[in-house]
Each structure stands twice: as C-alpha cells, then as structure tokens.
C-alpha cells in the first residue's frame, strides 16, 4: 500500500507502543505496512527513526515496567563525553536498560538488560525518557573507560554551566556500590574531578600536566585588568605565575570571528604580563613531550623551582 491510512492523532507517527495503537483503534494490518519497523516486540518506529536513541529509550521504558535506560545509552542522552569507540557503539548498537535486582533483567530484541539495586533517586526523567541518574551512569561507565576519559566524563557532570551533579552526589553513589565492576577505578578517579570545567579537552590537558609532576592549574577563573574590567577566562591558569593556557579546538581555527577575538584576548593578557600557552589535539597526542616542556619552561621562567617551590 503506497499511502497507508494516517495514524490517529494520539499515536506518535515517529514511534509508538503497539498496545497504544490498538487502544486508539489502529487495525493490525496498519502496523505491518511499509515504513514501520519493529525494533522489539510491542514497539513500532517509523523507518527514518530506527536509531533515534531518545525515541527508543522512551518506548523501551514505556513498554517495560520499572526500568531505566542506562550505561552507554544513558551517557549519550545525558551528553556525557565518551571516547569514540563507546560513542559509536552506543549510537549504532543495542539499547542498555536496567531494572531493579529483584525484578530481573529485561530480555527483548534490541536491548542489553542489566540488574542493579536502583533507588528512586537513581532514576531521572529527561525529555520523557527514564534514565539512570548522571552519578549512577558515571559509575556504570567506569569499567569501560580509561583514566583520562573517565575524568573528562566526571568533570562534564560538574560543568561551569548547568552542572548535572556534584562531587557529593557522585561520592554517595560510589560509596553505595562497593562491589560493582569498575568501582576501584571510580574511587581512584573521584578525587581528580574538578567543578567548573568547560570541555573534555580541558580535563585531559589538566590531567596530563599533573601527571607530568607539574603544579595543578586552576580551571576557568576570570582575569580582570587593573581597572576591574574583564579580560579573559582561560581554560587553565597559574594565577601566581601569570600563565594562561588555552586548548584550541577546530572551531577556533575555522571561525574567523572567533579567531580574531582570541588574538585580541591574548594580546590583552600579554600586555598585562601574562604568558599565554596554546594547545591543540596534535600536541595532546604525538607532540605532548614538547607541550610539557613548554609548560615547564614557562613555570621556571616565573620562578617555579619544582614540586616544593
């Protein structure tokens, strides 16, 4: 049938529960027409939406009682930064769903089922989707992520703008899940998290600097001139030594307006006696030895004499 009968207005044409369609009077044959897919029993989605994680999450938590989208799927919906391999897995793979331990795992096509001792506060609703909380999701990720990626993910929950969590909330979940896989690395990483961070690259840069035995720089603190006028908020800085550090992503280089603003900002800082250091993705990887030397030399030029100084 080329032009199937339109669905009733109470049935979302992007995706719906079969039970809801029947309740609205949709005949069985209409659910088998071209353009509708069956991601799992009891569900239908329109063909262009077969990998819409938010839609699928909403449907799966509606069709299965007392469950929440979790793990990598929840991380993507919370916009928690993930390493490429996990992001690709989450967008192209199965939906992760967790139920309370006493109920049992969800067993249905398209779903990876988990069991966990979820409390009411461990489940949130975001855009109609029941998700494990940001704190619970971060602990679930611990076994699957490396050290720097887990720091970046944790920092993102404590972001300067619209933070999703707090150190105290993360600590409470870590303490409450002593036997979950990955809890050891979660405990080790928790003291390394910082609030007020703006990007995953900033987190990774800070961690590399600390791992090199250099002083830990401060995050996103505003700098004002002698007249109290705002000048800049560097990604990282050593205020005592007047050293500012900026991670330059592709948008800085490709946007002429942003590039011009960056130059003007850096000129003003240098006029105030600050050293401005720039870092890129290339320096963070293959060129890190030179980048580390750059930070060390800047510190030494301002009087730093080692860990005891």
C-alpha atoms as a PDB file:
ATOM      1  CA  UNK A   1       0.000   0.000   0.000  1.00  0.00           C
ATOM      2  CA  UNK A   2       1.584   3.252  -1.153  1.00  0.00           C
ATOM      3  CA  UNK A   3      -0.402   5.639   1.019  1.00  0.00           C
ATOM      4  CA  UNK A   4      -1.390   3.866   4.236  1.00  0.00           C
ATOM      5  CA  UNK A   5      -4.154   5.284   6.387  1.00  0.00           C
ATOM      6  CA  UNK A   6      -2.852   8.092   8.659  1.00  0.00           C
ATOM      7  CA  UNK A   7      -2.441   7.139  12.290  1.00  0.00           C
ATOM      8  CA  UNK A   8      -4.803   8.694  14.851  1.00  0.00           C
ATOM      9  CA  UNK A   9      -3.518  11.961  16.383  1.00  0.00           C
ATOM     10  CA  UNK A  10      -2.953  10.301  19.780  1.00  0.00           C
ATOM     11  CA  UNK A  11      -0.420   7.892  18.217  1.00  0.00           C
ATOM     12  CA  UNK A  12       3.014   9.409  17.602  1.00  0.00           C
ATOM     13  CA  UNK A  13       3.876   8.570  13.974  1.00  0.00           C
ATOM     14  CA  UNK A  14       7.620   8.551  14.796  1.00  0.00           C
ATOM     15  CA  UNK A  15       7.245   5.616  17.182  1.00  0.00           C
ATOM     16  CA  UNK A  16       4.657   4.064  19.478  1.00  0.00           C
ATOM     17  CA  UNK A  17       3.614   1.091  21.577  1.00  0.00           C
ATOM     18  CA  UNK A  18       1.512  -1.473  19.746  1.00  0.00           C
ATOM     19  CA  UNK A  19      -0.830  -1.614  22.737  1.00  0.00           C
ATOM     20  CA  UNK A  20      -1.441   2.142  22.480  1.00  0.00           C
ATOM     21  CA  UNK A  21      -2.122   1.846  18.749  1.00  0.00           C
ATOM     22  CA  UNK A  22      -4.687  -0.896  19.337  1.00  0.00           C
ATOM     23  CA  UNK A  23      -6.308   1.165  22.088  1.00  0.00           C
ATOM     24  CA  UNK A  24      -6.637   4.039  19.590  1.00  0.00           C
ATOM     25  CA  UNK A  25      -8.384   1.763  17.118  1.00  0.00           C
ATOM     26  CA  UNK A  26      -5.493   1.114  14.719  1.00  0.00           C
ATOM     27  CA  UNK A  27      -6.085  -2.192  12.883  1.00  0.00           C
ATOM     28  CA  UNK A  28      -3.456  -4.921  12.904  1.00  0.00           C
ATOM     29  CA  UNK A  29      -2.764  -4.630   9.152  1.00  0.00           C
ATOM     30  CA  UNK A  30      -1.823  -0.956   9.561  1.00  0.00           C
ATOM     31  CA  UNK A  31       1.046  -1.933  11.893  1.00  0.00           C
ATOM     32  CA  UNK A  32       2.500  -4.139   9.172  1.00  0.00           C
ATOM     33  CA  UNK A  33       2.629  -1.529   6.422  1.00  0.00           C
ATOM     34  CA  UNK A  34       5.771  -0.343   4.688  1.00  0.00           C
ATOM     35  CA  UNK A  35       7.694   2.348   6.553  1.00  0.00           C
ATOM     36  CA  UNK A  36       7.143   0.918  10.046  1.00  0.00           C
ATOM     37  CA  UNK A  37       9.892  -1.116  11.712  1.00  0.00           C
ATOM     38  CA  UNK A  38       9.761  -3.393  14.767  1.00  0.00           C
ATOM     39  CA  UNK A  39      12.823  -2.706  16.944  1.00  0.00           C
ATOM     40  CA  UNK A  40      11.424  -5.032  19.602  1.00  0.00           C
ATOM     41  CA  UNK A  41       8.185  -6.792  20.403  1.00  0.00           C
ATOM     42  CA  UNK A  42       5.331  -4.458  21.139  1.00  0.00           C
ATOM     43  CA  UNK A  43       7.030  -1.454  19.502  1.00  0.00           C
ATOM     44  CA  UNK A  44       6.900   0.267  16.128  1.00  0.00           C
ATOM     45  CA  UNK A  45       9.035   3.098  14.796  1.00  0.00           C
ATOM     46  CA  UNK A  46       8.958   4.989  11.517  1.00  0.00           C
ATOM     47  CA  UNK A  47      11.819   3.969   9.240  1.00  0.00           C
ATOM     48  CA  UNK A  48      13.866   7.213   9.473  1.00  0.00           C
ATOM     49  CA  UNK A  49      13.856   6.980  13.296  1.00  0.00           C
ATOM     50  CA  UNK A  50      15.254   3.480  13.818  1.00  0.00           C
ATOM     51  CA  UNK A  51      18.354   4.844  15.635  1.00  0.00           C
ATOM     52  CA  UNK A  52      16.722   7.750  17.461  1.00  0.00           C
ATOM     53  CA  UNK A  53      18.053   6.943  20.956  1.00  0.00           C
ATOM     54  CA  UNK A  54      15.718   9.312  22.743  1.00  0.00           C
ATOM     55  CA  UNK A  55      12.676   7.868  20.989  1.00  0.00           C
ATOM     56  CA  UNK A  56      13.801   4.278  21.538  1.00  0.00           C
ATOM     57  CA  UNK A  57      14.597   4.988  25.165  1.00  0.00           C
ATOM     58  CA  UNK A  58      11.162   6.478  25.698  1.00  0.00           C
ATOM     59  CA  UNK A  59       9.471   3.483  24.086  1.00  0.00           C
ATOM     60  CA  UNK A  60      11.501   0.827  25.883  1.00  0.00           C
ATOM     61  CA  UNK A  61      10.931   2.378  29.304  1.00  0.00           C
ATOM     62  CA  UNK A  62       7.218   2.668  28.489  1.00  0.00           C
ATOM     63  CA  UNK A  63       6.792  -0.942  27.353  1.00  0.00           C
ATOM     64  CA  UNK A  64       8.812  -2.415  30.235  1.00  0.00           C
ATOM     65  CA  UNK A  65       7.713  -1.547  33.790  1.00  0.00           C
ATOM     66  CA  UNK A  66      10.097  -0.209  36.442  1.00  0.00           C
ATOM     67  CA  UNK A  67      13.200   0.165  34.316  1.00  0.00           C
ATOM     68  CA  UNK A  68      15.573   2.903  33.184  1.00  0.00           C
ATOM     69  CA  UNK A  69      17.830   3.458  30.187  1.00  0.00           C
ATOM     70  CA  UNK A  70      21.397   3.073  31.436  1.00  0.00           C
ATOM     71  CA  UNK A  71      25.114   2.659  30.708  1.00  0.00           C
ATOM     72  CA  UNK A  72      26.340   3.998  27.332  1.00  0.00           C
ATOM     73  CA  UNK A  73      22.816   4.809  26.136  1.00  0.00           C
ATOM     74  CA  UNK A  74      22.131   6.946  29.201  1.00  0.00           C
ATOM     75  CA  UNK A  75      25.523   8.626  28.840  1.00  0.00           C
ATOM     76  CA  UNK A  76      24.698   9.686  25.280  1.00  0.00           C
ATOM     77  CA  UNK A  77      21.300  11.034  26.323  1.00  0.00           C
ATOM     78  CA  UNK A  78      22.890  12.962  29.211  1.00  0.00           C
ATOM     79  CA  UNK A  79      25.511  14.265  26.691  1.00  0.00           C
ATOM     80  CA  UNK A  80      28.354  12.841  28.785  1.00  0.00           C
ATOM     81  CA  UNK A  81      31.518  12.870  26.626  1.00  0.00           C
ATOM     82  CA  UNK A  82      32.662   9.392  25.640  1.00  0.00           C
ATOM     83  CA  UNK A  83      35.684   8.009  23.810  1.00  0.00           C
ATOM     84  CA  UNK A  84      34.983   7.429  20.115  1.00  0.00           C
ATOM     85  CA  UNK A  85      34.688   3.654  20.414  1.00  0.00           C
ATOM     86  CA  UNK A  86      31.985   3.890  23.078  1.00  0.00           C
ATOM     87  CA  UNK A  87      30.130   6.672  21.296  1.00  0.00           C
ATOM     88  CA  UNK A  88      29.990   4.658  18.078  1.00  0.00           C
ATOM     89  CA  UNK A  89      28.903   1.556  19.972  1.00  0.00           C
ATOM     90  CA  UNK A  90      26.147   3.459  21.737  1.00  0.00           C
ATOM     91  CA  UNK A  91      24.770   5.115  18.621  1.00  0.00           C
ATOM     92  CA  UNK A  92      24.884   2.028  16.442  1.00  0.00           C
ATOM     93  CA  UNK A  93      24.309  -0.792  18.878  1.00  0.00           C
ATOM     94  CA  UNK A  94      21.775  -2.003  21.394  1.00  0.00           C
ATOM     95  CA  UNK A  95      19.824  -0.002  23.975  1.00  0.00           C
ATOM     96  CA  UNK A  96      21.027  -0.568  27.556  1.00  0.00           C
ATOM     97  CA  UNK A  97      18.220  -0.902  30.093  1.00  0.00           C
ATOM     98  CA  UNK A  98      18.495  -1.559  33.846  1.00  0.00           C
ATOM     99  CA  UNK A  99      15.829  -2.946  36.164  1.00  0.00           C
ATOM    100  CA  UNK A 100      15.844  -3.431  39.907  1.00  0.00           C
ATOM    101  CA  UNK A 101      17.601  -6.588  41.018  1.00  0.00           C
ATOM    102  CA  UNK A 102      14.549  -8.308  42.435  1.00  0.00           C
ATOM    103  CA  UNK A 103      12.646  -7.955  39.147  1.00  0.00           C
ATOM    104  CA  UNK A 104      15.203  -9.380  36.740  1.00  0.00           C
ATOM    105  CA  UNK A 105      16.852  -8.346  33.506  1.00  0.00           C
ATOM    106  CA  UNK A 106      14.914  -7.091  30.513  1.00  0.00           C
ATOM    107  CA  UNK A 107      15.003  -9.753  27.805  1.00  0.00           C
ATOM    108  CA  UNK A 108      13.939  -8.441  24.429  1.00  0.00           C
ATOM    109  CA  UNK A 109      15.412  -7.862  20.992  1.00  0.00           C
ATOM    110  CA  UNK A 110      17.455  -4.695  20.662  1.00  0.00           C
ATOM    111  CA  UNK A 111      18.166  -4.440  24.397  1.00  0.00           C
ATOM    112  CA  UNK A 112      21.092  -5.223  26.692  1.00  0.00           C
ATOM    113  CA  UNK A 113      19.458  -5.957  30.035  1.00  0.00           C
ATOM    114  CA  UNK A 114      21.053  -5.211  33.416  1.00  0.00           C
ATOM    115  CA  UNK A 115      20.035  -5.628  37.043  1.00  0.00           C
ATOM    116  CA  UNK A 116      21.007  -3.206  39.815  1.00  0.00           C
ATOM    117  CA  UNK A 117      19.752  -2.061  43.241  1.00  0.00           C
ATOM    118  CA  UNK A 118      18.254   1.154  41.879  1.00  0.00           C
ATOM    119  CA  UNK A 119      16.554   3.514  44.311  1.00  0.00           C
ATOM    120  CA  UNK A 120      14.006   6.125  43.313  1.00  0.00           C
ATOM    121  CA  UNK A 121      16.694   8.846  43.362  1.00  0.00           C
ATOM    122  CA  UNK A 122      18.835   6.830  40.940  1.00  0.00           C
ATOM    123  CA  UNK A 123      16.306   7.318  38.133  1.00  0.00           C
ATOM    124  CA  UNK A 124      15.559  10.647  36.450  1.00  0.00           C
ATOM    125  CA  UNK A 125      13.290  11.687  33.591  1.00  0.00           C
ATOM    126  CA  UNK A 126      14.825  13.607  30.683  1.00  0.00           C
ATOM    127  CA  UNK A 127      12.619  14.550  27.729  1.00  0.00           C
ATOM    128  CA  UNK A 128      10.199  11.808  28.685  1.00  0.00           C
ATOM    129  CA  UNK A 129      12.891   9.123  28.989  1.00  0.00           C
ATOM    130  CA  UNK A 130      13.575   7.362  32.279  1.00  0.00           C
ATOM    131  CA  UNK A 131      17.353   7.320  32.724  1.00  0.00           C
ATOM    132  CA  UNK A 132      19.743   6.255  35.407  1.00  0.00           C
ATOM    133  CA  UNK A 133      20.992   9.382  37.183  1.00  0.00           C
ATOM    134  CA  UNK A 134      24.194  11.073  35.960  1.00  0.00           C
ATOM    135  CA  UNK A 135      26.036   9.771  39.044  1.00  0.00           C
ATOM    136  CA  UNK A 136      24.853   6.204  38.584  1.00  0.00           C
ATOM    137  CA  UNK A 137      25.635   6.357  34.868  1.00  0.00           C
ATOM    138  CA  UNK A 138      29.192   7.594  35.549  1.00  0.00           C
ATOM    139  CA  UNK A 139      29.876   4.651  37.866  1.00  0.00           C
ATOM    140  CA  UNK A 140      28.457   2.253  35.254  1.00  0.00           C
ATOM    141  CA  UNK A 141      30.904   3.695  32.711  1.00  0.00           C
ATOM    142  CA  UNK A 142      33.966   3.232  34.942  1.00  0.00           C
ATOM    143  CA  UNK A 143      34.744  -0.339  33.856  1.00  0.00           C
ATOM    144  CA  UNK A 144      34.614   0.614  30.167  1.00  0.00           C
ATOM    145  CA  UNK A 145      36.708   3.790  30.087  1.00  0.00           C
ATOM    146  CA  UNK A 146      40.335   4.752  30.505  1.00  0.00           C
ATOM    147  CA  UNK A 147      41.574   7.122  33.174  1.00  0.00           C
ATOM    148  CA  UNK A 148      41.571  10.365  31.201  1.00  0.00           C
ATOM    149  CA  UNK A 149      38.207   9.629  29.559  1.00  0.00           C
ATOM    150  CA  UNK A 150      36.605   8.897  32.939  1.00  0.00           C
ATOM    151  CA  UNK A 151      37.990  12.152  34.350  1.00  0.00           C
ATOM    152  CA  UNK A 152      36.589  14.064  31.369  1.00  0.00           C
ATOM    153  CA  UNK A 153      33.213  12.359  31.790  1.00  0.00           C
ATOM    154  CA  UNK A 154      33.133  13.139  35.523  1.00  0.00           C
ATOM    155  CA  UNK A 155      34.195  16.752  35.008  1.00  0.00           C
ATOM    156  CA  UNK A 156      31.378  17.179  32.481  1.00  0.00           C
ATOM    157  CA  UNK A 157      28.859  16.425  35.239  1.00  0.00           C
ATOM    158  CA  UNK A 158      30.344  19.280  37.297  1.00  0.00           C
ATOM    159  CA  UNK A 159      30.440  21.779  34.408  1.00  0.00           C
ATOM    160  CA  UNK A 160      30.524  25.530  34.997  1.00  0.00           C
ATOM    161  CA  UNK A 161      27.203  25.973  33.183  1.00  0.00           C
ATOM    162  CA  UNK A 162      24.223  23.762  34.036  1.00  0.00           C
ATOM    163  CA  UNK A 163      26.044  21.075  36.062  1.00  0.00           C
ATOM    164  CA  UNK A 164      24.281  17.723  36.193  1.00  0.00           C
ATOM    165  CA  UNK A 165      25.724  16.573  39.501  1.00  0.00           C
ATOM    166  CA  UNK A 166      28.095  17.330  42.368  1.00  0.00           C
ATOM    167  CA  UNK A 167      31.115  15.698  43.985  1.00  0.00           C
ATOM    168  CA  UNK A 168      28.939  14.836  46.988  1.00  0.00           C
ATOM    169  CA  UNK A 169      26.326  13.076  44.827  1.00  0.00           C
ATOM    170  CA  UNK A 170      28.997  11.129  42.960  1.00  0.00           C
ATOM    171  CA  UNK A 171      30.663  10.129  46.234  1.00  0.00           C
ATOM    172  CA  UNK A 172      27.338   8.914  47.640  1.00  0.00           C
ATOM    173  CA  UNK A 173      26.756   6.568  44.690  1.00  0.00           C
ATOM    174  CA  UNK A 174      30.362   5.332  44.731  1.00  0.00           C
ATOM    175  CA  UNK A 175      30.011   4.526  48.442  1.00  0.00           C
ATOM    176  CA  UNK A 176      26.707   2.754  47.838  1.00  0.00           C
ATOM    177  CA  UNK A 177      28.052   0.465  45.095  1.00  0.00           C
ATOM    178  CA  UNK A 178      31.129  -1.168  46.666  1.00  0.00           C
ATOM    179  CA  UNK A 179      31.006  -4.380  44.622  1.00  0.00           C
ATOM    180  CA  UNK A 180      30.104  -3.166  41.125  1.00  0.00           C
ATOM    181  CA  UNK A 181      32.680  -3.806  38.402  1.00  0.00           C
ATOM    182  CA  UNK A 182      34.844  -0.743  37.861  1.00  0.00           C
ATOM    183  CA  UNK A 183      34.281   0.698  41.335  1.00  0.00           C
ATOM    184  CA  UNK A 184      38.016   0.657  42.124  1.00  0.00           C
ATOM    185  CA  UNK A 185      38.880   2.986  39.252  1.00  0.00           C
ATOM    186  CA  UNK A 186      35.836   5.139  40.066  1.00  0.00           C
ATOM    187  CA  UNK A 187      37.188   5.600  43.609  1.00  0.00           C
ATOM    188  CA  UNK A 188      40.647   6.455  42.248  1.00  0.00           C
ATOM    189  CA  UNK A 189      39.277   8.969  39.749  1.00  0.00           C
ATOM    190  CA  UNK A 190      36.806  10.748  42.030  1.00  0.00           C
ATOM    191  CA  UNK A 191      39.457  12.918  43.800  1.00  0.00           C
ATOM    192  CA  UNK A 192      40.729  14.028  40.359  1.00  0.00           C
ATOM    193  CA  UNK A 193      37.404  15.543  39.307  1.00  0.00           C
ATOM    194  CA  UNK A 194      37.021  19.303  39.317  1.00  0.00           C
ATOM    195  CA  UNK A 195      33.970  21.560  39.061  1.00  0.00           C
ATOM    196  CA  UNK A 196      33.683  24.437  36.624  1.00  0.00           C
ATOM    197  CA  UNK A 197      35.352  22.704  33.671  1.00  0.00           C
ATOM    198  CA  UNK A 198      34.125  23.657  30.201  1.00  0.00           C
ATOM    199  CA  UNK A 199      35.334  20.847  27.929  1.00  0.00           C
ATOM    200  CA  UNK A 200      36.716  17.285  27.874  1.00  0.00           C
ATOM    201  CA  UNK A 201      39.932  18.574  26.266  1.00  0.00           C
ATOM    202  CA  UNK A 202      40.460  20.900  29.204  1.00  0.00           C
ATOM    203  CA  UNK A 203      40.108  17.942  31.589  1.00  0.00           C
ATOM    204  CA  UNK A 204      42.611  15.848  29.644  1.00  0.00           C
ATOM    205  CA  UNK A 205      45.091  18.730  29.443  1.00  0.00           C
ATOM    206  CA  UNK A 206      44.893  19.295  33.206  1.00  0.00           C
ATOM    207  CA  UNK A 207      45.434  15.596  33.885  1.00  0.00           C
ATOM    208  CA  UNK A 208      48.460  15.426  31.575  1.00  0.00           C
ATOM    209  CA  UNK A 209      50.015  18.431  33.306  1.00  0.00           C
ATOM    210  CA  UNK A 210      49.508  16.914  36.760  1.00  0.00           C
ATOM    211  CA  UNK A 211      50.785  13.504  35.632  1.00  0.00           C
ATOM    212  CA  UNK A 212      53.970  15.228  34.420  1.00  0.00           C
ATOM    213  CA  UNK A 213      54.706  16.287  38.012  1.00  0.00           C
ATOM    214  CA  UNK A 214      53.791  19.929  37.409  1.00  0.00           C
ATOM    215  CA  UNK A 215      51.538  22.008  39.684  1.00  0.00           C
ATOM    216  CA  UNK A 216      47.832  21.577  39.084  1.00  0.00           C
ATOM    217  CA  UNK A 217      46.469  24.603  37.209  1.00  0.00           C
ATOM    218  CA  UNK A 218      43.203  26.242  38.191  1.00  0.00           C
ATOM    219  CA  UNK A 219      40.139  25.928  35.942  1.00  0.00           C
ATOM    220  CA  UNK A 220      38.150  28.688  34.279  1.00  0.00           C
ATOM    221  CA  UNK A 221      38.847  31.590  36.652  1.00  0.00           C
ATOM    222  CA  UNK A 222      38.146  35.053  35.298  1.00  0.00           C
ATOM    223  CA  UNK A 223      41.004  37.547  34.853  1.00  0.00           C
ATOM    224  CA  UNK A 224      40.420  41.299  35.213  1.00  0.00           C
ATOM    225  CA  UNK A 225      42.698  44.239  34.457  1.00  0.00           C
ATOM    226  CA  UNK A 226      43.841  46.867  36.962  1.00  0.00           C
ATOM    227  CA  UNK A 227      40.609  48.815  36.394  1.00  0.00           C
ATOM    228  CA  UNK A 228      38.411  45.837  37.153  1.00  0.00           C
ATOM    229  CA  UNK A 229      37.486  45.219  33.543  1.00  0.00           C
ATOM    230  CA  UNK A 230      37.001  41.632  32.413  1.00  0.00           C
ATOM    231  CA  UNK A 231      39.745  40.343  30.117  1.00  0.00           C
ATOM    232  CA  UNK A 232      39.538  36.567  29.843  1.00  0.00           C
ATOM    233  CA  UNK A 233      38.642  33.236  31.418  1.00  0.00           C
ATOM    234  CA  UNK A 234      41.422  30.863  30.304  1.00  0.00           C
ATOM    235  CA  UNK A 235      40.787  27.148  30.199  1.00  0.00           C
ATOM    236  CA  UNK A 236      43.571  26.686  32.753  1.00  0.00           C
ATOM    237  CA  UNK A 237      45.874  29.078  34.553  1.00  0.00           C
ATOM    238  CA  UNK A 238      48.568  29.590  37.147  1.00  0.00           C
ATOM    239  CA  UNK A 239      47.458  32.889  38.645  1.00  0.00           C
ATOM    240  CA  UNK A 240      50.526  33.146  40.908  1.00  0.00           C
ATOM    241  CA  UNK A 241      52.845  32.879  37.898  1.00  0.00           C
ATOM    242  CA  UNK A 242      50.570  34.730  35.450  1.00  0.00           C
ATOM    243  CA  UNK A 243      50.464  31.834  32.981  1.00  0.00           C
ATOM    244  CA  UNK A 244      47.280  31.221  30.971  1.00  0.00           C
ATOM    245  CA  UNK A 245      46.633  28.046  28.947  1.00  0.00           C
ATOM    246  CA  UNK A 246      44.088  27.605  26.175  1.00  0.00           C
ATOM    247  CA  UNK A 247      43.029  24.499  24.298  1.00  0.00           C
ATOM    248  CA  UNK A 248      42.299  25.485  20.701  1.00  0.00           C
ATOM    249  CA  UNK A 249      39.702  23.268  19.067  1.00  0.00           C
ATOM    250  CA  UNK A 250      38.891  23.294  15.363  1.00  0.00           C
ATOM    251  CA  UNK A 251      36.180  25.934  15.812  1.00  0.00           C
ATOM    252  CA  UNK A 252      38.800  28.463  16.935  1.00  0.00           C
ATOM    253  CA  UNK A 253      40.779  27.937  13.732  1.00  0.00           C
ATOM    254  CA  UNK A 254      37.858  27.668  11.295  1.00  0.00           C
ATOM    255  CA  UNK A 255      35.788  30.597  12.612  1.00  0.00           C
ATOM    256  CA  UNK A 256      37.460  33.902  11.575  1.00  0.00           C
ATOM    257  CA  UNK A 257      35.423  35.927  14.085  1.00  0.00           C
ATOM    258  CA  UNK A 258      36.353  33.652  16.977  1.00  0.00           C
ATOM    259  CA  UNK A 259      39.970  33.593  15.855  1.00  0.00           C
ATOM    260  CA  UNK A 260      40.068  37.392  15.842  1.00  0.00           C
ATOM    261  CA  UNK A 261      38.576  37.558  19.331  1.00  0.00           C
ATOM    262  CA  UNK A 262      41.125  35.018  20.586  1.00  0.00           C
ATOM    263  CA  UNK A 263      44.018  37.100  19.216  1.00  0.00           C
ATOM    264  CA  UNK A 264      42.696  40.273  20.815  1.00  0.00           C
ATOM    265  CA  UNK A 265      42.147  38.499  24.147  1.00  0.00           C
ATOM    266  CA  UNK A 266      45.644  37.029  24.163  1.00  0.00           C
ATOM    267  CA  UNK A 267      47.206  40.396  23.262  1.00  0.00           C
ATOM    268  CA  UNK A 268      45.477  42.000  26.239  1.00  0.00           C
ATOM    269  CA  UNK A 269      46.718  39.253  28.565  1.00  0.00           C
ATOM    270  CA  UNK A 270      50.290  39.573  27.316  1.00  0.00           C
ATOM    271  CA  UNK A 271      50.122  43.346  27.775  1.00  0.00           C
ATOM    272  CA  UNK A 272      49.271  42.641  31.431  1.00  0.00           C
ATOM    273  CA  UNK A 273      52.383  40.472  31.779  1.00  0.00           C
ATOM    274  CA  UNK A 274      50.786  37.060  31.287  1.00  0.00           C
ATOM    275  CA  UNK A 275      52.353  34.188  29.359  1.00  0.00           C
ATOM    276  CA  UNK A 276      49.728  32.622  27.052  1.00  0.00           C
ATOM    277  CA  UNK A 277      50.263  28.985  26.042  1.00  0.00           C
ATOM    278  CA  UNK A 278      48.201  27.300  23.318  1.00  0.00           C
ATOM    279  CA  UNK A 279      47.494  23.600  22.903  1.00  0.00           C
ATOM    280  CA  UNK A 280      45.885  21.548  20.148  1.00  0.00           C
ATOM    281  CA  UNK A 281      44.834  17.953  19.587  1.00  0.00           C
ATOM    282  CA  UNK A 282      48.150  17.243  17.870  1.00  0.00           C
ATOM    283  CA  UNK A 283      50.118  18.477  20.888  1.00  0.00           C
ATOM    284  CA  UNK A 284      47.934  16.500  23.249  1.00  0.00           C
ATOM    285  CA  UNK A 285      48.933  13.288  21.488  1.00  0.00           C
ATOM    286  CA  UNK A 286      52.100  12.940  19.424  1.00  0.00           C
ATOM    287  CA  UNK A 287      53.534  16.286  20.484  1.00  0.00           C
ATOM    288  CA  UNK A 288      52.990  16.053  24.227  1.00  0.00           C
ATOM    289  CA  UNK A 289      56.696  15.971  25.145  1.00  0.00           C
ATOM    290  CA  UNK A 290      57.174  19.413  23.584  1.00  0.00           C
ATOM    291  CA  UNK A 291      53.938  20.695  25.093  1.00  0.00           C
ATOM    292  CA  UNK A 292      55.007  19.536  28.565  1.00  0.00           C
ATOM    293  CA  UNK A 293      58.369  21.244  28.114  1.00  0.00           C
ATOM    294  CA  UNK A 294      56.544  24.436  27.141  1.00  0.00           C
ATOM    295  CA  UNK A 295      54.595  24.458  30.416  1.00  0.00           C
ATOM    296  CA  UNK A 296      57.659  23.555  32.477  1.00  0.00           C
ATOM    297  CA  UNK A 297      59.770  26.296  30.844  1.00  0.00           C
ATOM    298  CA  UNK A 298      57.054  28.887  31.415  1.00  0.00           C
ATOM    299  CA  UNK A 299      56.805  27.945  35.089  1.00  0.00           C
ATOM    300  CA  UNK A 300      60.581  28.003  35.518  1.00  0.00           C
ATOM    301  CA  UNK A 301      60.798  31.434  33.865  1.00  0.00           C
ATOM    302  CA  UNK A 302      58.380  32.731  36.505  1.00  0.00           C
ATOM    303  CA  UNK A 303      60.300  31.353  39.459  1.00  0.00           C
ATOM    304  CA  UNK A 304      58.926  27.848  39.916  1.00  0.00           C
ATOM    305  CA  UNK A 305      61.686  25.539  41.145  1.00  0.00           C
ATOM    306  CA  UNK A 306      59.964  22.215  41.403  1.00  0.00           C
ATOM    307  CA  UNK A 307      57.271  20.470  43.480  1.00  0.00           C
ATOM    308  CA  UNK A 308      58.470  22.050  46.720  1.00  0.00           C
ATOM    309  CA  UNK A 309      58.505  25.626  45.389  1.00  0.00           C
END
